[in-house]
Amino acid sequence: MEFQRFALTSLLIQASAGAFASYLAWMWLLGRYPATKIGTFAFLTPVFALIFGSLWLGEAVTLSLLGALAMVGVGIALVNKRKSA
């Protein structure tokens, strides 16, 4: 019975936070900022997946995962960097 409760709670969290809240925030951002500026933030998905996987499921966070997340951060920073004239 414990597994079923955990699965149902996970599904509820995924439906409310993962679907409803994220799409609501995404549409709010698209209404206020150009899509080209906020599109790169979709690459934050692996960051949130690692955080929630670690906190909720107890998955291990290794140095290679942290390195990969650092590369994601550098990529987002490079894409959003202003061009020098």
PDB file of N, CA and C in Angstrom:
ATOM      1  N   MET A   1       0.822  -1.203   0.000  1.00  0.00           N
ATOM      2  CA  MET A   1       0.000   0.000   0.000  1.00  0.00           C
ATOM      3  C   MET A   1       0.860   1.258   0.000  1.00  0.00           C
ATOM      4  N   GLU A   2       2.036   1.175   0.621  1.00  0.00           N
ATOM      5  CA  GLU A   2       2.920   2.344   0.680  1.00  0.00           C
ATOM      6  C   GLU A   2       3.385   2.768  -0.704  1.00  0.00           C
ATOM      7  N   PHE A   3       3.710   1.807  -1.577  1.00  0.00           N
ATOM      8  CA  PHE A   3       4.154   2.140  -2.922  1.00  0.00           C
ATOM      9  C   PHE A   3       3.063   2.869  -3.691  1.00  0.00           C
ATOM     10  N   GLN A   4       1.825   2.426  -3.537  1.00  0.00           N
ATOM     11  CA  GLN A   4       0.719   3.056  -4.247  1.00  0.00           C
ATOM     12  C   GLN A   4       0.539   4.509  -3.781  1.00  0.00           C
ATOM     13  N   ARG A   5       0.654   4.776  -2.511  1.00  0.00           N
ATOM     14  CA  ARG A   5       0.520   6.129  -1.988  1.00  0.00           C
ATOM     15  C   ARG A   5       1.631   7.026  -2.540  1.00  0.00           C
ATOM     16  N   PHE A   6       2.853   6.500  -2.579  1.00  0.00           N
ATOM     17  CA  PHE A   6       3.981   7.249  -3.121  1.00  0.00           C
ATOM     18  C   PHE A   6       3.764   7.544  -4.603  1.00  0.00           C
ATOM     19  N   ALA A   7       3.293   6.564  -5.346  1.00  0.00           N
ATOM     20  CA  ALA A   7       3.055   6.746  -6.781  1.00  0.00           C
ATOM     21  C   ALA A   7       1.959   7.774  -7.029  1.00  0.00           C
ATOM     22  N   LEU A   8       0.890   7.717  -6.268  1.00  0.00           N
ATOM     23  CA  LEU A   8      -0.199   8.679  -6.441  1.00  0.00           C
ATOM     24  C   LEU A   8       0.225  10.091  -6.046  1.00  0.00           C
ATOM     25  N   THR A   9       1.007  10.209  -4.980  1.00  0.00           N
ATOM     26  CA  THR A   9       1.514  11.521  -4.578  1.00  0.00           C
ATOM     27  C   THR A   9       2.444  12.083  -5.646  1.00  0.00           C
ATOM     28  N   SER A  10       3.297  11.242  -6.196  1.00  0.00           N
ATOM     29  CA  SER A  10       4.200  11.682  -7.262  1.00  0.00           C
ATOM     30  C   SER A  10       3.430  12.133  -8.486  1.00  0.00           C
ATOM     31  N   LEU A  11       2.397  11.416  -8.835  1.00  0.00           N
ATOM     32  CA  LEU A  11       1.564  11.786  -9.978  1.00  0.00           C
ATOM     33  C   LEU A  11       0.854  13.117  -9.735  1.00  0.00           C
ATOM     34  N   LEU A  12       0.365  13.321  -8.537  1.00  0.00           N
ATOM     35  CA  LEU A  12      -0.303  14.580  -8.198  1.00  0.00           C
ATOM     36  C   LEU A  12       0.665  15.756  -8.275  1.00  0.00           C
ATOM     37  N   ILE A  13       1.859  15.578  -7.761  1.00  0.00           N
ATOM     38  CA  ILE A  13       2.872  16.640  -7.818  1.00  0.00           C
ATOM     39  C   ILE A  13       3.253  16.926  -9.270  1.00  0.00           C
ATOM     40  N   GLN A  14       3.436  15.887 -10.064  1.00  0.00           N
ATOM     41  CA  GLN A  14       3.789  16.066 -11.470  1.00  0.00           C
ATOM     42  C   GLN A  14       2.680  16.790 -12.229  1.00  0.00           C
ATOM     43  N   ALA A  15       1.446  16.444 -11.945  1.00  0.00           N
ATOM     44  CA  ALA A  15       0.334  17.085 -12.648  1.00  0.00           C
ATOM     45  C   ALA A  15       0.164  18.538 -12.233  1.00  0.00           C
ATOM     46  N   SER A  16       0.326  18.830 -10.952  1.00  0.00           N
ATOM     47  CA  SER A  16       0.102  20.201 -10.503  1.00  0.00           C
ATOM     48  C   SER A  16       1.315  21.090 -10.739  1.00  0.00           C
ATOM     49  N   ALA A  17       2.473  20.682 -10.309  1.00  0.00           N
ATOM     50  CA  ALA A  17       3.670  21.527 -10.460  1.00  0.00           C
ATOM     51  C   ALA A  17       4.264  21.376 -11.852  1.00  0.00           C
ATOM     52  N   GLY A  18       4.412  20.156 -12.298  1.00  0.00           N
ATOM     53  CA  GLY A  18       5.073  19.910 -13.570  1.00  0.00           C
ATOM     54  C   GLY A  18       4.295  20.367 -14.774  1.00  0.00           C
ATOM     55  N   ALA A  19       3.011  20.217 -14.743  1.00  0.00           N
ATOM     56  CA  ALA A  19       2.212  20.599 -15.911  1.00  0.00           C
ATOM     57  C   ALA A  19       1.552  21.957 -15.721  1.00  0.00           C
ATOM     58  N   PHE A  20       0.705  22.072 -14.753  1.00  0.00           N
ATOM     59  CA  PHE A  20      -0.097  23.287 -14.600  1.00  0.00           C
ATOM     60  C   PHE A  20       0.749  24.521 -14.303  1.00  0.00           C
ATOM     61  N   ALA A  21       1.534  24.470 -13.243  1.00  0.00           N
ATOM     62  CA  ALA A  21       2.291  25.656 -12.818  1.00  0.00           C
ATOM     63  C   ALA A  21       3.365  26.041 -13.828  1.00  0.00           C
ATOM     64  N   SER A  22       4.057  25.060 -14.391  1.00  0.00           N
ATOM     65  CA  SER A  22       5.118  25.392 -15.336  1.00  0.00           C
ATOM     66  C   SER A  22       4.560  25.993 -16.621  1.00  0.00           C
ATOM     67  N   TYR A  23       3.460  25.463 -17.134  1.00  0.00           N
ATOM     68  CA  TYR A  23       2.871  26.044 -18.346  1.00  0.00           C
ATOM     69  C   TYR A  23       2.271  27.414 -18.066  1.00  0.00           C
ATOM     70  N   LEU A  24       1.710  27.592 -16.904  1.00  0.00           N
ATOM     71  CA  LEU A  24       1.175  28.898 -16.531  1.00  0.00           C
ATOM     72  C   LEU A  24       2.304  29.930 -16.473  1.00  0.00           C
ATOM     73  N   ALA A  25       3.413  29.579 -15.851  1.00  0.00           N
ATOM     74  CA  ALA A  25       4.569  30.484 -15.789  1.00  0.00           C
ATOM     75  C   ALA A  25       5.146  30.730 -17.180  1.00  0.00           C
ATOM     76  N   TRP A  26       5.209  29.682 -17.986  1.00  0.00           N
ATOM     77  CA  TRP A  26       5.750  29.820 -19.340  1.00  0.00           C
ATOM     78  C   TRP A  26       4.893  30.777 -20.177  1.00  0.00           C
ATOM     79  N   MET A  27       3.599  30.651 -20.112  1.00  0.00           N
ATOM     80  CA  MET A  27       2.716  31.545 -20.877  1.00  0.00           C
ATOM     81  C   MET A  27       2.804  32.978 -20.349  1.00  0.00           C
ATOM     82  N   TRP A  28       2.952  33.142 -19.050  1.00  0.00           N
ATOM     83  CA  TRP A  28       3.110  34.472 -18.480  1.00  0.00           C
ATOM     84  C   TRP A  28       4.394  35.113 -19.001  1.00  0.00           C
ATOM     85  N   LEU A  29       5.478  34.347 -19.016  1.00  0.00           N
ATOM     86  CA  LEU A  29       6.750  34.857 -19.523  1.00  0.00           C
ATOM     87  C   LEU A  29       6.670  35.201 -21.006  1.00  0.00           C
ATOM     88  N   LEU A  30       6.020  34.351 -21.793  1.00  0.00           N
ATOM     89  CA  LEU A  30       5.889  34.620 -23.225  1.00  0.00           C
ATOM     90  C   LEU A  30       5.068  35.876 -23.503  1.00  0.00           C
ATOM     91  N   GLY A  31       4.160  36.198 -22.611  1.00  0.00           N
ATOM     92  CA  GLY A  31       3.367  37.413 -22.775  1.00  0.00           C
ATOM     93  C   GLY A  31       4.141  38.678 -22.454  1.00  0.00           C
ATOM     94  N   ARG A  32       5.261  38.559 -21.772  1.00  0.00           N
ATOM     95  CA  ARG A  32       6.005  39.734 -21.327  1.00  0.00           C
ATOM     96  C   ARG A  32       7.397  39.877 -21.932  1.00  0.00           C
ATOM     97  N   TYR A  33       7.955  38.791 -22.437  1.00  0.00           N
ATOM     98  CA  TYR A  33       9.310  38.819 -22.972  1.00  0.00           C
ATOM     99  C   TYR A  33       9.328  38.142 -24.336  1.00  0.00           C
ATOM    100  N   PRO A  34      10.292  38.494 -25.188  1.00  0.00           N
ATOM    101  CA  PRO A  34      10.382  37.825 -26.496  1.00  0.00           C
ATOM    102  C   PRO A  34      10.746  36.340 -26.340  1.00  0.00           C
ATOM    103  N   ALA A  35      10.163  35.531 -27.180  1.00  0.00           N
ATOM    104  CA  ALA A  35      10.400  34.086 -27.106  1.00  0.00           C
ATOM    105  C   ALA A  35      11.872  33.749 -27.319  1.00  0.00           C
ATOM    106  N   THR A  36      12.577  34.544 -28.110  1.00  0.00           N
ATOM    107  CA  THR A  36      13.991  34.265 -28.353  1.00  0.00           C
ATOM    108  C   THR A  36      14.827  34.439 -27.094  1.00  0.00           C
ATOM    109  N   LYS A  37      14.400  35.291 -26.196  1.00  0.00           N
ATOM    110  CA  LYS A  37      15.151  35.512 -24.957  1.00  0.00           C
ATOM    111  C   LYS A  37      14.882  34.444 -23.904  1.00  0.00           C
ATOM    112  N   ILE A  38      13.663  33.936 -23.841  1.00  0.00           N
ATOM    113  CA  ILE A  38      13.339  32.966 -22.792  1.00  0.00           C
ATOM    114  C   ILE A  38      13.376  31.522 -23.273  1.00  0.00           C
ATOM    115  N   GLY A  39      13.509  31.327 -24.578  1.00  0.00           N
ATOM    116  CA  GLY A  39      13.528  29.965 -25.122  1.00  0.00           C
ATOM    117  C   GLY A  39      14.662  29.120 -24.586  1.00  0.00           C
ATOM    118  N   THR A  40      15.800  29.741 -24.340  1.00  0.00           N
ATOM    119  CA  THR A  40      16.948  28.972 -23.856  1.00  0.00           C
ATOM    120  C   THR A  40      16.742  28.443 -22.438  1.00  0.00           C
ATOM    121  N   PHE A  41      15.832  29.025 -21.703  1.00  0.00           N
ATOM    122  CA  PHE A  41      15.599  28.556 -20.340  1.00  0.00           C
ATOM    123  C   PHE A  41      14.883  27.205 -20.295  1.00  0.00           C
ATOM    124  N   ALA A  42      14.415  26.742 -21.444  1.00  0.00           N
ATOM    125  CA  ALA A  42      13.869  25.389 -21.504  1.00  0.00           C
ATOM    126  C   ALA A  42      14.959  24.360 -21.212  1.00  0.00           C
ATOM    127  N   PHE A  43      16.219  24.764 -21.408  1.00  0.00           N
ATOM    128  CA  PHE A  43      17.331  23.863 -21.119  1.00  0.00           C
ATOM    129  C   PHE A  43      17.575  23.704 -19.617  1.00  0.00           C
ATOM    130  N   LEU A  44      16.799  24.386 -18.796  1.00  0.00           N
ATOM    131  CA  LEU A  44      16.884  24.182 -17.352  1.00  0.00           C
ATOM    132  C   LEU A  44      16.149  22.920 -16.897  1.00  0.00           C
ATOM    133  N   THR A  45      15.456  22.261 -17.809  1.00  0.00           N
ATOM    134  CA  THR A  45      14.727  21.038 -17.475  1.00  0.00           C
ATOM    135  C   THR A  45      15.615  19.999 -16.802  1.00  0.00           C
ATOM    136  N   PRO A  46      16.831  19.708 -17.320  1.00  0.00           N
ATOM    137  CA  PRO A  46      17.653  18.712 -16.626  1.00  0.00           C
ATOM    138  C   PRO A  46      18.080  19.157 -15.226  1.00  0.00           C
ATOM    139  N   VAL A  47      18.224  20.450 -15.026  1.00  0.00           N
ATOM    140  CA  VAL A  47      18.596  20.950 -13.699  1.00  0.00           C
ATOM    141  C   VAL A  47      17.492  20.627 -12.698  1.00  0.00           C
ATOM    142  N   PHE A  48      16.258  20.964 -13.067  1.00  0.00           N
ATOM    143  CA  PHE A  48      15.130  20.671 -12.175  1.00  0.00           C
ATOM    144  C   PHE A  48      14.916  19.168 -12.017  1.00  0.00           C
ATOM    145  N   ALA A  49      15.135  18.398 -13.079  1.00  0.00           N
ATOM    146  CA  ALA A  49      14.995  16.946 -12.980  1.00  0.00           C
ATOM    147  C   ALA A  49      15.994  16.373 -11.983  1.00  0.00           C
ATOM    148  N   LEU A  50      17.215  16.873 -12.009  1.00  0.00           N
ATOM    149  CA  LEU A  50      18.219  16.387 -11.068  1.00  0.00           C
ATOM    150  C   LEU A  50      17.875  16.782  -9.635  1.00  0.00           C
ATOM    151  N   ILE A  51      17.443  18.021  -9.452  1.00  0.00           N
ATOM    152  CA  ILE A  51      17.097  18.492  -8.103  1.00  0.00           C
ATOM    153  C   ILE A  51      15.943  17.675  -7.528  1.00  0.00           C
ATOM    154  N   PHE A  52      14.852  17.550  -8.298  1.00  0.00           N
ATOM    155  CA  PHE A  52      13.698  16.823  -7.784  1.00  0.00           C
ATOM    156  C   PHE A  52      13.958  15.323  -7.687  1.00  0.00           C
ATOM    157  N   GLY A  53      14.754  14.777  -8.599  1.00  0.00           N
ATOM    158  CA  GLY A  53      15.109  13.363  -8.503  1.00  0.00           C
ATOM    159  C   GLY A  53      15.918  13.072  -7.250  1.00  0.00           C
ATOM    160  N   SER A  54      16.777  14.001  -6.915  1.00  0.00           N
ATOM    161  CA  SER A  54      17.594  13.831  -5.708  1.00  0.00           C
ATOM    162  C   SER A  54      16.759  13.995  -4.446  1.00  0.00           C
ATOM    163  N   LEU A  55      15.941  15.045  -4.413  1.00  0.00           N
ATOM    164  CA  LEU A  55      15.158  15.317  -3.206  1.00  0.00           C
ATOM    165  C   LEU A  55      13.993  14.346  -3.025  1.00  0.00           C
ATOM    166  N   TRP A  56      13.263  14.089  -4.072  1.00  0.00           N
ATOM    167  CA  TRP A  56      12.039  13.298  -3.965  1.00  0.00           C
ATOM    168  C   TRP A  56      12.310  11.799  -4.021  1.00  0.00           C
ATOM    169  N   LEU A  57      13.221  11.388  -4.928  1.00  0.00           N
ATOM    170  CA  LEU A  57      13.456   9.958  -5.117  1.00  0.00           C
ATOM    171  C   LEU A  57      14.733   9.455  -4.457  1.00  0.00           C
ATOM    172  N   GLY A  58      15.535  10.381  -3.932  1.00  0.00           N
ATOM    173  CA  GLY A  58      16.765   9.980  -3.266  1.00  0.00           C
ATOM    174  C   GLY A  58      17.849   9.505  -4.217  1.00  0.00           C
ATOM    175  N   GLU A  59      17.825   9.969  -5.466  1.00  0.00           N
ATOM    176  CA  GLU A  59      18.838   9.571  -6.430  1.00  0.00           C
ATOM    177  C   GLU A  59      20.178  10.222  -6.093  1.00  0.00           C
ATOM    178  N   ALA A  60      21.241   9.546  -6.440  1.00  0.00           N
ATOM    179  CA  ALA A  60      22.584  10.036  -6.137  1.00  0.00           C
ATOM    180  C   ALA A  60      22.968  11.173  -7.088  1.00  0.00           C
ATOM    181  N   VAL A  61      23.636  12.174  -6.541  1.00  0.00           N
ATOM    182  CA  VAL A  61      24.162  13.273  -7.343  1.00  0.00           C
ATOM    183  C   VAL A  61      25.674  13.089  -7.399  1.00  0.00           C
ATOM    184  N   THR A  62      26.172  12.774  -8.584  1.00  0.00           N
ATOM    185  CA  THR A  62      27.592  12.506  -8.748  1.00  0.00           C
ATOM    186  C   THR A  62      28.320  13.740  -9.280  1.00  0.00           C
ATOM    187  N   LEU A  63      29.627  13.682  -9.234  1.00  0.00           N
ATOM    188  CA  LEU A  63      30.431  14.785  -9.752  1.00  0.00           C
ATOM    189  C   LEU A  63      30.212  14.974 -11.253  1.00  0.00           C
ATOM    190  N   SER A  64      30.032  13.885 -11.978  1.00  0.00           N
ATOM    191  CA  SER A  64      29.804  14.014 -13.420  1.00  0.00           C
ATOM    192  C   SER A  64      28.463  14.694 -13.705  1.00  0.00           C
ATOM    193  N   LEU A  65      27.447  14.420 -12.895  1.00  0.00           N
ATOM    194  CA  LEU A  65      26.167  15.110 -13.064  1.00  0.00           C
ATOM    195  C   LEU A  65      26.296  16.599 -12.752  1.00  0.00           C
ATOM    196  N   LEU A  66      27.017  16.922 -11.701  1.00  0.00           N
ATOM    197  CA  LEU A  66      27.229  18.329 -11.368  1.00  0.00           C
ATOM    198  C   LEU A  66      28.018  19.042 -12.465  1.00  0.00           C
ATOM    199  N   GLY A  67      28.985  18.351 -13.050  1.00  0.00           N
ATOM    200  CA  GLY A  67      29.728  18.916 -14.166  1.00  0.00           C
ATOM    201  C   GLY A  67      28.841  19.157 -15.375  1.00  0.00           C
ATOM    202  N   ALA A  68      27.959  18.203 -15.636  1.00  0.00           N
ATOM    203  CA  ALA A  68      27.028  18.368 -16.754  1.00  0.00           C
ATOM    204  C   ALA A  68      26.083  19.545 -16.509  1.00  0.00           C
ATOM    205  N   LEU A  69      25.623  19.698 -15.282  1.00  0.00           N
ATOM    206  CA  LEU A  69      24.752  20.835 -14.967  1.00  0.00           C
ATOM    207  C   LEU A  69      25.494  22.154 -15.095  1.00  0.00           C
ATOM    208  N   ALA A  70      26.765  22.155 -14.732  1.00  0.00           N
ATOM    209  CA  ALA A  70      27.580  23.362 -14.901  1.00  0.00           C
ATOM    210  C   ALA A  70      27.694  23.711 -16.385  1.00  0.00           C
ATOM    211  N   MET A  71      27.845  22.702 -17.237  1.00  0.00           N
ATOM    212  CA  MET A  71      27.923  22.958 -18.679  1.00  0.00           C
ATOM    213  C   MET A  71      26.599  23.491 -19.222  1.00  0.00           C
ATOM    214  N   VAL A  72      25.482  23.001 -18.691  1.00  0.00           N
ATOM    215  CA  VAL A  72      24.178  23.537 -19.077  1.00  0.00           C
ATOM    216  C   VAL A  72      24.111  25.020 -18.708  1.00  0.00           C
ATOM    217  N   GLY A  73      24.545  25.351 -17.500  1.00  0.00           N
ATOM    218  CA  GLY A  73      24.557  26.745 -17.059  1.00  0.00           C
ATOM    219  C   GLY A  73      25.432  27.628 -17.936  1.00  0.00           C
ATOM    220  N   VAL A  74      26.617  27.129 -18.298  1.00  0.00           N
ATOM    221  CA  VAL A  74      27.512  27.891 -19.169  1.00  0.00           C
ATOM    222  C   VAL A  74      26.874  28.079 -20.541  1.00  0.00           C
ATOM    223  N   GLY A  75      26.232  27.050 -21.040  1.00  0.00           N
ATOM    224  CA  GLY A  75      25.554  27.165 -22.336  1.00  0.00           C
ATOM    225  C   GLY A  75      24.455  28.214 -22.316  1.00  0.00           C
ATOM    226  N   ILE A  76      23.655  28.233 -21.268  1.00  0.00           N
ATOM    227  CA  ILE A  76      22.592  29.234 -21.151  1.00  0.00           C
ATOM    228  C   ILE A  76      23.194  30.628 -21.057  1.00  0.00           C
ATOM    229  N   ALA A  77      24.271  30.775 -20.294  1.00  0.00           N
ATOM    230  CA  ALA A  77      24.925  32.074 -20.164  1.00  0.00           C
ATOM    231  C   ALA A  77      25.490  32.536 -21.507  1.00  0.00           C
ATOM    232  N   LEU A  78      26.090  31.621 -22.261  1.00  0.00           N
ATOM    233  CA  LEU A  78      26.658  31.999 -23.553  1.00  0.00           C
ATOM    234  C   LEU A  78      25.582  32.407 -24.550  1.00  0.00           C
ATOM    235  N   VAL A  79      24.480  31.694 -24.556  1.00  0.00           N
ATOM    236  CA  VAL A  79      23.396  32.025 -25.489  1.00  0.00           C
ATOM    237  C   VAL A  79      22.785  33.377 -25.161  1.00  0.00           C
ATOM    238  N   ASN A  80      22.688  33.694 -23.885  1.00  0.00           N
ATOM    239  CA  ASN A  80      22.069  34.963 -23.479  1.00  0.00           C
ATOM    240  C   ASN A  80      23.054  36.122 -23.389  1.00  0.00           C
ATOM    241  N   LYS A  81      24.327  35.865 -23.651  1.00  0.00           N
ATOM    242  CA  LYS A  81      25.340  36.918 -23.590  1.00  0.00           C
ATOM    243  C   LYS A  81      25.092  37.950 -24.697  1.00  0.00           C
ATOM    244  N   ARG A  82      25.200  39.199 -24.342  1.00  0.00           N
ATOM    245  CA  ARG A  82      25.016  40.253 -25.333  1.00  0.00           C
ATOM    246  C   ARG A  82      26.223  40.306 -26.265  1.00  0.00           C
ATOM    247  N   LYS A  83      25.932  40.573 -27.518  1.00  0.00           N
ATOM    248  CA  LYS A  83      27.005  40.710 -28.498  1.00  0.00           C
ATOM    249  C   LYS A  83      27.704  42.035 -28.312  1.00  0.00           C
ATOM    250  N   SER A  84      29.021  41.997 -28.418  1.00  0.00           N
ATOM    251  CA  SER A  84      29.751  43.272 -28.328  1.00  0.00           C
ATOM    252  C   SER A  84      29.744  43.928 -29.703  1.00  0.00           C
ATOM    253  N   ALA A  85      29.555  45.229 -29.695  1.00  0.00           N
ATOM    254  CA  ALA A  85      29.441  45.965 -30.957  1.00  0.00           C
ATOM    255  C   ALA A  85      30.732  46.173 -31.583  1.00  0.00           C
TER     256      ALA A  85
END
